[in-house]
Structure formats: structure tokens, C-alpha cells
Amino acid sequence: MSQPGHISKLGVPPEEALPDDLKLVWEKCREKLGFVPNVFRTLSLKPQRLRDFMQLFNEIMLSDSRLSKLEREMVAVVVSSANRCYYCLVSHGAAVRKLSGDPHLGEMLALNYRVAELEPRMRAMLDFAWKLTTTPAEVTDADRDALRGQGLDSGDIFDLAQVVALFNFSNRMAIAADMMPNGEYHLAGR
């Protein structure tokens, strides 16, 4: 059985109707990935908001940070697990598989990150991400101190919190739109 065939229950605009700058983004996606991510297609309903999302995503997920790209992707999967966001679990689970070289890690993080054999630093980061997602009002100095105990400084904790916040936002958008992941993500990194 395959996933539903729609991209988004909110629909997506036809590519020919997109502004020229977004058509170029689509071309670059096809060159680099071989497809246009359905998140872009869905968010293109509001072109300026898609531009803003891409800029924010790139700044949080790809800019200089003491959190590695893999660590940020692992946090994305754990947040998406807490929120049960199908789109992000599939797409960022694929990123974890590719970046880690471990075909099982993405699924462990998606289903129950606590079963994964992780370094204490990563475990503390994922515990924080889970708590900030599921019970944000209960985050205290003890949680920040646990991160500091694993070598994270205030800038690292800030970066971690931004990744958590970004994926809580994007999960809710994906769920609201009933966004389906591109089929290519299911096979990536296996």
C-alpha cells in the first residue's frame, strides 16, 4: 500500500504560475535533488512566505553552528516524532540516514529516540528537544544546566531551541495541509 497521492490538501499552484525566482528554485532542486520537495510546492501558495521560510530554514539548519548538520537533522526528527508529522519524519529521517550512513538511525529516532545508542551530549539535546516540544512550560534551569553539563554553551542552546521551534512550526504547517512527502525520501539513504 502506498501513501495518498496528493501533495497537499490545500492544493499547490501550477509551476507555470510561479514567480520567476521560484521557478529558478524549482530548477535548482531538480538539478541537486532530482525533484522539488513537496513542502516548497505547498508553501508556494504564498510565494513571499515560501521565500521567508527558505531563508529561515537555511539560516537555522545550514549556517555556522557548533551543532552539526546531522545533530540538527536528528533534532528535527525527534520534534517531528513528538508531533507525529508524517512529512517531516519521512523527509528528515532520510536526511539522518544519508548524513549518518546508518540506515536504522532515522527510524529509531522517529519511533523512540531513547532506544538509539547515542553519546550523552546528543541524548541531552534530544531530551531537551522532546521536552521543549511536548511540555514547553516545564523547561527550567535544570534542563539548560543539563545541556551545559554536556558542553553546550548559551549560543549552542539558542541554536538548539531555534531548531526545535522551526520544526514545531513546520510540523504544524505540514499537518494542517496534510502534506505528503516526496516518494524519493522513502528510499534515500537505505
N, C-alpha and C. Protein backbone atom coordinates (compact mmCIF):
# COMPACT_ATOMS: atom_id res chain seq x y z
N MET A 1 0.85 -1.17 0.00
CA MET A 1 0.00 0.00 0.00
C MET A 1 0.90 1.24 0.00
N SER A 2 0.58 2.18 -0.83
CA SER A 2 1.38 3.40 -0.89
C SER A 2 0.65 4.55 -0.19
N GLN A 3 1.37 5.63 0.03
CA GLN A 3 0.78 6.78 0.69
C GLN A 3 -0.22 7.45 -0.24
N PRO A 4 -1.09 8.30 0.28
CA PRO A 4 -2.05 9.03 -0.58
C PRO A 4 -1.33 9.78 -1.68
N GLY A 5 -2.01 9.97 -2.78
CA GLY A 5 -1.39 10.56 -3.97
C GLY A 5 -1.34 12.07 -4.02
N HIS A 6 -1.98 12.74 -3.09
CA HIS A 6 -1.96 14.21 -3.15
C HIS A 6 -0.64 14.76 -2.58
N ILE A 7 -0.33 15.99 -2.97
CA ILE A 7 0.81 16.71 -2.42
C ILE A 7 0.38 17.41 -1.14
N SER A 8 -0.75 18.08 -1.21
CA SER A 8 -1.28 18.85 -0.09
C SER A 8 -2.78 18.97 -0.26
N LYS A 9 -3.50 18.85 0.84
CA LYS A 9 -4.96 19.04 0.77
C LYS A 9 -5.34 20.50 0.54
N LEU A 10 -4.36 21.40 0.63
CA LEU A 10 -4.61 22.80 0.33
C LEU A 10 -4.34 23.11 -1.14
N GLY A 11 -3.85 22.11 -1.86
CA GLY A 11 -3.51 22.30 -3.27
C GLY A 11 -2.16 22.96 -3.43
N VAL A 12 -1.69 22.97 -4.64
CA VAL A 12 -0.43 23.65 -4.98
C VAL A 12 -0.63 24.40 -6.28
N PRO A 13 -0.04 25.59 -6.40
CA PRO A 13 -0.19 26.33 -7.65
C PRO A 13 0.59 25.64 -8.78
N PRO A 14 0.12 25.81 -9.99
CA PRO A 14 0.88 25.24 -11.11
C PRO A 14 2.24 25.94 -11.24
N GLU A 15 3.22 25.17 -11.63
CA GLU A 15 4.58 25.71 -11.72
C GLU A 15 4.66 26.92 -12.64
N GLU A 16 3.93 26.88 -13.74
CA GLU A 16 3.98 28.00 -14.70
C GLU A 16 3.43 29.29 -14.10
N ALA A 17 2.68 29.21 -13.03
CA ALA A 17 2.11 30.40 -12.39
C ALA A 17 3.04 31.01 -11.34
N LEU A 18 4.14 30.34 -11.07
CA LEU A 18 5.06 30.82 -10.03
C LEU A 18 5.86 32.03 -10.50
N PRO A 19 6.27 32.89 -9.58
CA PRO A 19 7.19 33.97 -9.94
C PRO A 19 8.50 33.38 -10.46
N ASP A 20 9.19 34.14 -11.27
CA ASP A 20 10.41 33.64 -11.92
C ASP A 20 11.47 33.17 -10.92
N ASP A 21 11.62 33.87 -9.79
CA ASP A 21 12.65 33.46 -8.84
C ASP A 21 12.35 32.08 -8.26
N LEU A 22 11.07 31.77 -8.07
CA LEU A 22 10.74 30.44 -7.55
C LEU A 22 10.87 29.37 -8.63
N LYS A 23 10.62 29.73 -9.87
CA LYS A 23 10.88 28.77 -10.96
C LYS A 23 12.35 28.36 -10.97
N LEU A 24 13.22 29.34 -10.68
CA LEU A 24 14.66 29.03 -10.61
C LEU A 24 14.96 28.11 -9.42
N VAL A 25 14.28 28.32 -8.31
CA VAL A 25 14.45 27.42 -7.15
C VAL A 25 14.05 26.01 -7.55
N TRP A 26 12.93 25.87 -8.26
CA TRP A 26 12.47 24.55 -8.71
C TRP A 26 13.55 23.90 -9.58
N GLU A 27 14.15 24.68 -10.50
CA GLU A 27 15.20 24.13 -11.37
C GLU A 27 16.39 23.65 -10.55
N LYS A 28 16.80 24.46 -9.57
CA LYS A 28 17.94 24.08 -8.73
C LYS A 28 17.63 22.82 -7.93
N CYS A 29 16.41 22.70 -7.44
CA CYS A 29 16.01 21.50 -6.70
C CYS A 29 16.10 20.27 -7.60
N ARG A 30 15.61 20.41 -8.81
CA ARG A 30 15.66 19.26 -9.73
C ARG A 30 17.10 18.88 -10.06
N GLU A 31 17.98 19.88 -10.22
CA GLU A 31 19.38 19.59 -10.50
C GLU A 31 20.05 18.91 -9.32
N LYS A 32 19.81 19.41 -8.11
CA LYS A 32 20.50 18.92 -6.92
C LYS A 32 19.87 17.66 -6.35
N LEU A 33 18.54 17.63 -6.26
CA LEU A 33 17.83 16.53 -5.61
C LEU A 33 17.18 15.55 -6.58
N GLY A 34 16.86 16.04 -7.77
CA GLY A 34 16.12 15.23 -8.73
C GLY A 34 14.62 15.43 -8.63
N PHE A 35 14.17 16.31 -7.73
CA PHE A 35 12.74 16.58 -7.54
C PHE A 35 12.59 17.89 -6.77
N VAL A 36 11.37 18.41 -6.76
CA VAL A 36 11.05 19.60 -5.96
C VAL A 36 10.35 19.12 -4.69
N PRO A 37 10.90 19.43 -3.51
CA PRO A 37 10.24 18.99 -2.28
C PRO A 37 8.80 19.50 -2.19
N ASN A 38 7.92 18.62 -1.77
CA ASN A 38 6.51 18.99 -1.67
C ASN A 38 6.26 20.11 -0.66
N VAL A 39 7.15 20.29 0.29
CA VAL A 39 7.00 21.41 1.21
C VAL A 39 7.11 22.73 0.45
N PHE A 40 8.01 22.80 -0.52
CA PHE A 40 8.12 24.02 -1.34
C PHE A 40 6.87 24.20 -2.18
N ARG A 41 6.41 23.12 -2.78
CA ARG A 41 5.21 23.21 -3.62
C ARG A 41 4.01 23.72 -2.80
N THR A 42 3.88 23.20 -1.59
CA THR A 42 2.76 23.60 -0.74
C THR A 42 2.90 25.04 -0.29
N LEU A 43 4.07 25.41 0.20
CA LEU A 43 4.26 26.77 0.70
C LEU A 43 4.25 27.82 -0.41
N SER A 44 4.36 27.37 -1.66
CA SER A 44 4.32 28.32 -2.77
C SER A 44 2.93 28.93 -2.97
N LEU A 45 1.95 28.45 -2.21
CA LEU A 45 0.64 29.11 -2.21
C LEU A 45 0.77 30.58 -1.82
N LYS A 46 1.76 30.87 -1.00
CA LYS A 46 2.08 32.24 -0.56
C LYS A 46 3.56 32.45 -0.88
N PRO A 47 3.89 32.91 -2.09
CA PRO A 47 5.29 32.98 -2.52
C PRO A 47 6.23 33.71 -1.56
N GLN A 48 5.82 34.85 -1.02
CA GLN A 48 6.73 35.57 -0.13
C GLN A 48 6.97 34.78 1.15
N ARG A 49 5.96 34.09 1.63
CA ARG A 49 6.15 33.29 2.84
C ARG A 49 7.05 32.09 2.56
N LEU A 50 7.00 31.54 1.35
CA LEU A 50 7.94 30.48 0.99
C LEU A 50 9.35 31.04 0.99
N ARG A 51 9.55 32.19 0.40
CA ARG A 51 10.89 32.81 0.40
C ARG A 51 11.38 33.00 1.84
N ASP A 52 10.51 33.52 2.68
CA ASP A 52 10.88 33.75 4.08
C ASP A 52 11.20 32.43 4.78
N PHE A 53 10.41 31.39 4.53
CA PHE A 53 10.64 30.08 5.13
C PHE A 53 11.99 29.52 4.68
N MET A 54 12.27 29.60 3.38
CA MET A 54 13.55 29.07 2.88
C MET A 54 14.72 29.80 3.52
N GLN A 55 14.61 31.12 3.66
CA GLN A 55 15.68 31.89 4.28
C GLN A 55 15.87 31.48 5.74
N LEU A 56 14.77 31.38 6.48
CA LEU A 56 14.84 30.98 7.88
C LEU A 56 15.38 29.56 8.02
N PHE A 57 14.87 28.64 7.22
CA PHE A 57 15.33 27.25 7.25
C PHE A 57 16.84 27.19 7.01
N ASN A 58 17.30 27.87 5.96
CA ASN A 58 18.73 27.84 5.64
C ASN A 58 19.57 28.43 6.75
N GLU A 59 19.09 29.50 7.36
CA GLU A 59 19.84 30.14 8.45
C GLU A 59 19.93 29.20 9.66
N ILE A 60 18.84 28.57 10.02
CA ILE A 60 18.83 27.71 11.21
C ILE A 60 19.50 26.36 10.96
N MET A 61 19.26 25.78 9.81
CA MET A 61 19.72 24.41 9.57
C MET A 61 21.08 24.32 8.87
N LEU A 62 21.50 25.37 8.18
CA LEU A 62 22.71 25.25 7.37
C LEU A 62 23.81 26.24 7.73
N SER A 63 23.50 27.25 8.53
CA SER A 63 24.52 28.27 8.83
C SER A 63 25.53 27.72 9.84
N ASP A 64 26.58 28.51 10.08
CA ASP A 64 27.60 28.11 11.04
C ASP A 64 26.99 27.91 12.42
N SER A 65 27.35 26.81 13.03
CA SER A 65 26.87 26.48 14.37
C SER A 65 27.78 25.39 14.91
N ARG A 66 27.86 25.32 16.22
CA ARG A 66 28.59 24.20 16.84
C ARG A 66 27.74 22.94 16.83
N LEU A 67 26.46 23.06 16.47
CA LEU A 67 25.61 21.89 16.25
C LEU A 67 25.82 21.45 14.81
N SER A 68 26.18 20.21 14.62
CA SER A 68 26.43 19.72 13.26
C SER A 68 25.11 19.62 12.49
N LYS A 69 25.24 19.52 11.19
CA LYS A 69 24.05 19.34 10.35
C LYS A 69 23.31 18.06 10.76
N LEU A 70 24.04 16.99 11.02
CA LEU A 70 23.41 15.74 11.46
C LEU A 70 22.68 15.95 12.78
N GLU A 71 23.31 16.62 13.73
CA GLU A 71 22.63 16.85 15.01
C GLU A 71 21.34 17.63 14.82
N ARG A 72 21.38 18.65 13.97
CA ARG A 72 20.18 19.44 13.72
C ARG A 72 19.09 18.60 13.05
N GLU A 73 19.49 17.73 12.14
CA GLU A 73 18.51 16.84 11.50
C GLU A 73 17.94 15.83 12.49
N MET A 74 18.77 15.35 13.40
CA MET A 74 18.28 14.42 14.42
C MET A 74 17.25 15.10 15.31
N VAL A 75 17.50 16.34 15.68
CA VAL A 75 16.54 17.10 16.46
C VAL A 75 15.25 17.27 15.67
N ALA A 76 15.36 17.56 14.38
CA ALA A 76 14.16 17.71 13.53
C ALA A 76 13.31 16.44 13.58
N VAL A 77 13.94 15.28 13.53
CA VAL A 77 13.20 14.03 13.54
C VAL A 77 12.53 13.81 14.89
N VAL A 78 13.22 14.10 15.98
CA VAL A 78 12.64 13.88 17.31
C VAL A 78 11.47 14.83 17.55
N VAL A 79 11.61 16.08 17.16
CA VAL A 79 10.49 17.02 17.28
C VAL A 79 9.31 16.53 16.44
N SER A 80 9.60 16.09 15.23
CA SER A 80 8.55 15.59 14.34
C SER A 80 7.91 14.32 14.87
N SER A 81 8.68 13.52 15.59
CA SER A 81 8.13 12.32 16.22
C SER A 81 7.13 12.73 17.31
N ALA A 82 7.54 13.68 18.14
CA ALA A 82 6.64 14.15 19.20
C ALA A 82 5.34 14.70 18.63
N ASN A 83 5.44 15.36 17.48
CA ASN A 83 4.26 15.96 16.84
C ASN A 83 3.56 15.02 15.86
N ARG A 84 4.17 13.86 15.61
CA ARG A 84 3.64 12.88 14.65
C ARG A 84 3.41 13.50 13.28
N CYS A 85 4.42 14.22 12.81
CA CYS A 85 4.36 14.86 11.50
C CYS A 85 4.94 13.92 10.45
N TYR A 86 4.06 13.31 9.68
CA TYR A 86 4.47 12.33 8.69
C TYR A 86 5.46 12.91 7.68
N TYR A 87 5.17 14.08 7.14
CA TYR A 87 6.05 14.67 6.13
C TYR A 87 7.47 14.80 6.66
N CYS A 88 7.62 15.44 7.81
CA CYS A 88 8.96 15.71 8.33
C CYS A 88 9.66 14.46 8.84
N LEU A 89 8.91 13.51 9.37
CA LEU A 89 9.52 12.25 9.78
C LEU A 89 10.16 11.55 8.59
N VAL A 90 9.46 11.52 7.47
CA VAL A 90 9.98 10.85 6.29
C VAL A 90 11.14 11.64 5.68
N SER A 91 10.94 12.94 5.46
CA SER A 91 11.98 13.72 4.77
C SER A 91 13.23 13.90 5.63
N HIS A 92 13.08 14.21 6.89
CA HIS A 92 14.26 14.43 7.73
C HIS A 92 14.84 13.11 8.24
N GLY A 93 14.02 12.07 8.31
CA GLY A 93 14.55 10.73 8.57
C GLY A 93 15.50 10.32 7.46
N ALA A 94 15.16 10.66 6.21
CA ALA A 94 16.03 10.38 5.08
C ALA A 94 17.34 11.15 5.22
N ALA A 95 17.25 12.41 5.64
CA ALA A 95 18.46 13.21 5.82
C ALA A 95 19.36 12.60 6.90
N VAL A 96 18.77 12.12 7.99
CA VAL A 96 19.55 11.47 9.05
C VAL A 96 20.24 10.23 8.50
N ARG A 97 19.53 9.42 7.73
CA ARG A 97 20.14 8.22 7.16
C ARG A 97 21.32 8.59 6.27
N LYS A 98 21.13 9.58 5.43
CA LYS A 98 22.20 9.97 4.50
C LYS A 98 23.40 10.57 5.23
N LEU A 99 23.15 11.46 6.17
CA LEU A 99 24.25 12.13 6.86
C LEU A 99 25.00 11.21 7.81
N SER A 100 24.28 10.27 8.42
CA SER A 100 24.91 9.38 9.41
C SER A 100 25.49 8.12 8.77
N GLY A 101 24.98 7.76 7.59
CA GLY A 101 25.38 6.50 6.99
C GLY A 101 24.76 5.30 7.68
N ASP A 102 23.82 5.55 8.58
CA ASP A 102 23.17 4.50 9.36
C ASP A 102 21.72 4.35 8.87
N PRO A 103 21.39 3.23 8.21
CA PRO A 103 20.05 3.07 7.67
C PRO A 103 18.97 2.87 8.74
N HIS A 104 19.36 2.69 10.00
CA HIS A 104 18.39 2.44 11.07
C HIS A 104 18.15 3.65 11.97
N LEU A 105 19.09 4.57 12.02
CA LEU A 105 19.02 5.66 12.98
C LEU A 105 17.77 6.53 12.81
N GLY A 106 17.43 6.85 11.59
CA GLY A 106 16.24 7.68 11.36
C GLY A 106 14.98 7.05 11.93
N GLU A 107 14.82 5.74 11.74
CA GLU A 107 13.64 5.06 12.27
C GLU A 107 13.65 4.99 13.79
N MET A 108 14.82 4.76 14.37
CA MET A 108 14.89 4.74 15.84
C MET A 108 14.49 6.10 16.40
N LEU A 109 14.99 7.16 15.80
CA LEU A 109 14.64 8.50 16.27
C LEU A 109 13.16 8.78 16.08
N ALA A 110 12.61 8.31 14.98
CA ALA A 110 11.19 8.56 14.68
C ALA A 110 10.27 7.80 15.62
N LEU A 111 10.63 6.58 15.94
CA LEU A 111 9.74 5.74 16.74
C LEU A 111 9.96 5.89 18.24
N ASN A 112 11.23 5.97 18.65
CA ASN A 112 11.55 6.13 20.08
C ASN A 112 13.04 6.41 20.18
N TYR A 113 13.40 7.69 20.17
CA TYR A 113 14.82 8.05 20.18
C TYR A 113 15.57 7.46 21.36
N ARG A 114 14.87 7.11 22.41
CA ARG A 114 15.54 6.60 23.62
C ARG A 114 16.18 5.22 23.40
N VAL A 115 15.78 4.49 22.35
CA VAL A 115 16.39 3.18 22.09
C VAL A 115 17.71 3.30 21.35
N ALA A 116 17.97 4.44 20.75
CA ALA A 116 19.21 4.62 19.99
C ALA A 116 20.40 4.76 20.93
N GLU A 117 21.50 4.14 20.56
CA GLU A 117 22.74 4.29 21.33
C GLU A 117 23.37 5.61 20.92
N LEU A 118 23.26 6.60 21.81
CA LEU A 118 23.71 7.95 21.50
C LEU A 118 24.74 8.41 22.52
N GLU A 119 25.61 9.30 22.10
CA GLU A 119 26.53 9.95 23.03
C GLU A 119 25.71 10.78 24.02
N PRO A 120 26.20 10.95 25.24
CA PRO A 120 25.45 11.72 26.24
C PRO A 120 25.07 13.13 25.78
N ARG A 121 25.94 13.78 25.01
CA ARG A 121 25.64 15.13 24.50
C ARG A 121 24.39 15.11 23.62
N MET A 122 24.34 14.15 22.71
CA MET A 122 23.20 14.06 21.80
C MET A 122 21.94 13.68 22.55
N ARG A 123 22.08 12.76 23.50
CA ARG A 123 20.91 12.35 24.31
C ARG A 123 20.35 13.56 25.06
N ALA A 124 21.21 14.38 25.64
CA ALA A 124 20.75 15.58 26.35
C ALA A 124 20.05 16.54 25.40
N MET A 125 20.58 16.69 24.19
CA MET A 125 19.95 17.57 23.21
C MET A 125 18.57 17.06 22.82
N LEU A 126 18.45 15.77 22.60
CA LEU A 126 17.15 15.20 22.21
C LEU A 126 16.16 15.21 23.35
N ASP A 127 16.63 14.98 24.56
CA ASP A 127 15.74 15.10 25.73
C ASP A 127 15.19 16.52 25.83
N PHE A 128 16.05 17.51 25.63
CA PHE A 128 15.63 18.90 25.67
C PHE A 128 14.62 19.20 24.54
N ALA A 129 14.92 18.72 23.34
CA ALA A 129 14.02 18.94 22.19
C ALA A 129 12.65 18.34 22.46
N TRP A 130 12.63 17.13 23.02
CA TRP A 130 11.35 16.46 23.32
C TRP A 130 10.56 17.26 24.35
N LYS A 131 11.24 17.67 25.41
CA LYS A 131 10.56 18.40 26.47
C LYS A 131 10.08 19.76 25.98
N LEU A 132 10.91 20.48 25.23
CA LEU A 132 10.51 21.79 24.72
C LEU A 132 9.33 21.68 23.75
N THR A 133 9.20 20.55 23.10
CA THR A 133 8.07 20.31 22.19
C THR A 133 6.82 19.87 22.93
N THR A 134 6.96 18.93 23.85
CA THR A 134 5.78 18.31 24.46
C THR A 134 5.29 19.03 25.72
N THR A 135 6.20 19.61 26.48
CA THR A 135 5.82 20.31 27.72
C THR A 135 6.68 21.56 27.88
N PRO A 136 6.55 22.51 26.98
CA PRO A 136 7.45 23.68 26.99
C PRO A 136 7.40 24.49 28.29
N ALA A 137 6.27 24.56 28.92
CA ALA A 137 6.16 25.34 30.15
C ALA A 137 6.94 24.72 31.31
N GLU A 138 7.37 23.48 31.14
CA GLU A 138 8.11 22.79 32.20
C GLU A 138 9.62 22.86 32.04
N VAL A 139 10.10 23.54 30.98
CA VAL A 139 11.54 23.70 30.80
C VAL A 139 12.05 24.66 31.87
N THR A 140 13.11 24.23 32.56
CA THR A 140 13.66 25.00 33.67
C THR A 140 15.17 25.14 33.53
N ASP A 141 15.77 25.83 34.49
CA ASP A 141 17.22 25.95 34.53
C ASP A 141 17.89 24.58 34.57
N ALA A 142 17.27 23.62 35.19
CA ALA A 142 17.86 22.27 35.26
C ALA A 142 18.05 21.69 33.87
N ASP A 143 17.13 21.97 32.96
CA ASP A 143 17.25 21.47 31.59
C ASP A 143 18.40 22.15 30.86
N ARG A 144 18.51 23.47 31.04
CA ARG A 144 19.63 24.19 30.42
C ARG A 144 20.95 23.77 31.05
N ASP A 145 20.95 23.54 32.36
CA ASP A 145 22.16 23.09 33.04
C ASP A 145 22.60 21.71 32.55
N ALA A 146 21.63 20.84 32.26
CA ALA A 146 21.96 19.51 31.72
C ALA A 146 22.68 19.65 30.38
N LEU A 147 22.26 20.58 29.57
CA LEU A 147 22.93 20.82 28.29
C LEU A 147 24.32 21.40 28.51
N ARG A 148 24.43 22.34 29.42
CA ARG A 148 25.74 22.92 29.73
C ARG A 148 26.69 21.85 30.26
N GLY A 149 26.15 20.91 31.02
CA GLY A 149 26.95 19.81 31.54
C GLY A 149 27.51 18.92 30.45
N GLN A 150 26.91 18.99 29.26
CA GLN A 150 27.40 18.21 28.12
C GLN A 150 28.22 19.08 27.16
N GLY A 151 28.59 20.28 27.61
CA GLY A 151 29.48 21.12 26.83
C GLY A 151 28.80 22.14 25.93
N LEU A 152 27.49 22.24 25.98
CA LEU A 152 26.81 23.25 25.18
C LEU A 152 26.88 24.60 25.89
N ASP A 153 27.17 25.64 25.15
CA ASP A 153 27.16 26.98 25.72
C ASP A 153 25.84 27.67 25.38
N SER A 154 25.71 28.92 25.80
CA SER A 154 24.44 29.63 25.57
C SER A 154 24.11 29.74 24.09
N GLY A 155 25.11 29.96 23.25
CA GLY A 155 24.86 30.03 21.80
C GLY A 155 24.38 28.70 21.24
N ASP A 156 24.94 27.60 21.74
CA ASP A 156 24.51 26.27 21.29
C ASP A 156 23.07 26.00 21.71
N ILE A 157 22.73 26.38 22.95
CA ILE A 157 21.37 26.17 23.44
C ILE A 157 20.39 27.02 22.63
N PHE A 158 20.80 28.23 22.28
CA PHE A 158 19.99 29.09 21.43
C PHE A 158 19.75 28.41 20.08
N ASP A 159 20.82 27.90 19.47
CA ASP A 159 20.69 27.20 18.17
C ASP A 159 19.77 26.00 18.29
N LEU A 160 19.93 25.23 19.35
CA LEU A 160 19.09 24.05 19.57
C LEU A 160 17.63 24.46 19.70
N ALA A 161 17.36 25.49 20.48
CA ALA A 161 15.98 25.95 20.66
C ALA A 161 15.39 26.43 19.35
N GLN A 162 16.20 27.07 18.50
CA GLN A 162 15.68 27.52 17.21
C GLN A 162 15.33 26.34 16.30
N VAL A 163 16.12 25.29 16.32
CA VAL A 163 15.79 24.10 15.52
C VAL A 163 14.47 23.51 16.02
N VAL A 164 14.33 23.41 17.33
CA VAL A 164 13.09 22.88 17.90
C VAL A 164 11.91 23.75 17.49
N ALA A 165 12.05 25.05 17.61
CA ALA A 165 10.96 25.97 17.26
C ALA A 165 10.62 25.90 15.77
N LEU A 166 11.64 25.84 14.92
CA LEU A 166 11.41 25.75 13.48
C LEU A 166 10.58 24.52 13.13
N PHE A 167 10.92 23.39 13.75
CA PHE A 167 10.20 22.17 13.38
C PHE A 167 8.84 22.07 14.05
N ASN A 168 8.64 22.71 15.16
CA ASN A 168 7.28 22.79 15.69
C ASN A 168 6.41 23.61 14.73
N PHE A 169 6.95 24.68 14.20
CA PHE A 169 6.23 25.49 13.20
C PHE A 169 5.97 24.69 11.93
N SER A 170 7.03 24.13 11.36
CA SER A 170 6.86 23.44 10.07
C SER A 170 6.01 22.18 10.21
N ASN A 171 6.09 21.49 11.35
CA ASN A 171 5.22 20.32 11.57
C ASN A 171 3.76 20.73 11.52
N ARG A 172 3.44 21.82 12.18
CA ARG A 172 2.05 22.25 12.22
C ARG A 172 1.55 22.66 10.84
N MET A 173 2.41 23.28 10.05
CA MET A 173 2.01 23.64 8.68
C MET A 173 1.81 22.37 7.84
N ALA A 174 2.71 21.42 7.97
CA ALA A 174 2.60 20.18 7.20
C ALA A 174 1.36 19.39 7.59
N ILE A 175 1.08 19.34 8.88
CA ILE A 175 -0.10 18.61 9.35
C ILE A 175 -1.37 19.33 8.91
N ALA A 176 -1.40 20.65 9.03
CA ALA A 176 -2.59 21.41 8.63
C ALA A 176 -2.91 21.23 7.16
N ALA A 177 -1.88 21.11 6.34
CA ALA A 177 -2.07 20.95 4.90
C ALA A 177 -2.20 19.48 4.49
N ASP A 178 -2.01 18.56 5.42
CA ASP A 178 -1.95 17.12 5.11
C ASP A 178 -0.96 16.89 3.98
N MET A 179 0.23 17.45 4.17
CA MET A 179 1.29 17.39 3.17
C MET A 179 1.90 15.99 3.12
N MET A 180 2.09 15.48 1.93
CA MET A 180 2.70 14.17 1.73
C MET A 180 4.15 14.33 1.31
N PRO A 181 5.05 13.51 1.85
CA PRO A 181 6.45 13.59 1.44
C PRO A 181 6.65 13.04 0.04
N ASN A 182 7.66 13.55 -0.62
CA ASN A 182 8.03 13.02 -1.93
C ASN A 182 8.43 11.56 -1.78
N GLY A 183 8.07 10.75 -2.74
CA GLY A 183 8.40 9.33 -2.69
C GLY A 183 9.88 9.06 -2.61
N GLU A 184 10.69 9.94 -3.18
CA GLU A 184 12.14 9.75 -3.17
C GLU A 184 12.71 9.70 -1.76
N TYR A 185 12.08 10.38 -0.83
CA TYR A 185 12.58 10.38 0.55
C TYR A 185 12.52 8.99 1.17
N HIS A 186 11.52 8.21 0.81
CA HIS A 186 11.35 6.88 1.40
C HIS A 186 12.54 5.97 1.11
N LEU A 187 13.18 6.18 -0.02
CA LEU A 187 14.27 5.29 -0.44
C LEU A 187 15.65 5.84 -0.13
N ALA A 188 15.75 7.13 0.20
CA ALA A 188 17.04 7.78 0.38
C ALA A 188 17.81 7.20 1.57
N GLY A 189 19.09 6.98 1.36
CA GLY A 189 19.98 6.55 2.43
C GLY A 189 19.78 5.13 2.91
N ARG A 190 19.17 4.30 2.09
CA ARG A 190 18.94 2.90 2.53
C ARG A 190 19.94 1.99 1.87
